[in-house]
Amino acid sequence: MELIVALAMWQGLRASEIRGLKKSDFRNGELHIERVIVTVDGEHIEKSNAKTVDYGTADQISKTIMGNINHSQ
């Protein structure tokens, strides 16, 4: 839960972006948003695009957050 809150607060991620994350999206100290998961009529749908223009770009991740990711299962 701490990691989810940190990603939302410090990286400004939306809930759908957090739900779509995979460990492979964290590379070389950067976060690559490559998918979102939205819920429509109770069904989870994976989408490979998002609303923002900068979707798919890499954001630098703090060492603290990367440490939490590397230690999570």
Protein backbone atom coordinates (compact mmCIF):
# COMPACT_ATOMS: atom_id res chain seq x y z
CA MET A 1 0.00 0.00 0.00
CA GLU A 2 2.88 2.39 0.78
CA LEU A 3 4.23 2.00 -2.75
CA ILE A 4 0.83 2.75 -4.30
CA VAL A 5 0.47 5.93 -2.27
CA ALA A 6 4.03 7.02 -3.11
CA LEU A 7 3.43 6.50 -6.83
CA ALA A 8 0.20 8.49 -6.67
CA MET A 9 1.67 11.33 -4.60
CA TRP A 10 5.20 11.72 -5.93
CA GLN A 11 4.72 10.63 -9.53
CA GLY A 12 1.19 11.98 -9.98
CA LEU A 13 -0.14 8.71 -11.37
CA ARG A 14 -3.85 8.08 -11.82
CA ALA A 15 -5.45 4.98 -10.30
CA SER A 16 -5.85 3.41 -13.76
CA GLU A 17 -2.13 3.95 -14.46
CA ILE A 18 -1.13 2.36 -11.14
CA ARG A 19 -3.42 -0.61 -11.80
CA GLY A 20 -1.77 -1.13 -15.19
CA LEU A 21 1.81 -1.14 -13.89
CA LYS A 22 4.07 -4.14 -14.22
CA LYS A 23 7.49 -4.52 -12.63
CA SER A 24 8.99 -4.45 -16.14
CA ASP A 25 7.73 -0.85 -16.51
CA PHE A 26 10.45 0.26 -14.06
CA ARG A 27 13.73 0.36 -15.99
CA ASN A 28 17.02 2.12 -15.26
CA GLY A 29 15.48 4.41 -12.66
CA GLU A 30 12.63 5.41 -14.97
CA LEU A 31 8.93 4.59 -15.05
CA HIS A 32 7.42 3.83 -18.45
CA ILE A 33 3.60 4.03 -18.45
CA GLU A 34 2.63 1.57 -21.17
CA ARG A 35 -0.92 0.60 -20.24
CA VAL A 36 -3.87 1.49 -18.04
CA ILE A 37 -6.57 -0.70 -16.57
CA VAL A 38 -10.04 0.80 -16.36
CA THR A 39 -13.26 -0.69 -15.05
CA VAL A 40 -16.36 -0.48 -17.24
CA ASP A 41 -19.60 -2.07 -16.04
CA GLY A 42 -17.62 -4.14 -13.52
CA GLU A 43 -15.22 -5.49 -16.14
CA HIS A 44 -11.48 -4.68 -16.04
CA ILE A 45 -10.22 -3.53 -19.41
CA GLU A 46 -6.55 -3.08 -20.29
CA LYS A 47 -5.85 -0.22 -22.67
CA SER A 48 -2.54 0.57 -24.30
CA ASN A 49 -3.21 4.30 -24.41
CA ALA A 50 -4.29 7.05 -22.06
CA LYS A 51 -5.76 10.55 -22.14
CA THR A 52 -2.53 12.49 -21.77
CA VAL A 53 -0.34 13.56 -24.68
CA ASP A 54 2.87 12.51 -22.89
CA TYR A 55 1.60 8.98 -22.38
CA GLY A 56 4.30 6.39 -22.79
CA THR A 57 7.11 8.75 -21.85
CA ALA A 58 9.58 7.94 -19.11
CA ASP A 59 9.57 9.66 -15.73
CA GLN A 60 12.49 9.59 -13.32
CA ILE A 61 11.76 7.59 -10.16
CA SER A 62 13.22 8.47 -6.77
CA LYS A 63 15.68 6.04 -5.19
CA THR A 64 13.23 5.51 -2.32
CA ILE A 65 10.44 4.39 -4.64
CA MET A 66 12.81 2.21 -6.68
CA GLY A 67 13.97 0.61 -3.43
CA ASN A 68 10.37 -0.23 -2.54
CA ILE A 69 9.78 -1.69 -6.01
CA ASN A 70 12.92 -3.80 -5.87
CA HIS A 71 11.92 -5.22 -2.47
CA SER A 72 8.28 -5.90 -3.35
CA GLN A 73 7.12 -9.35 -4.39
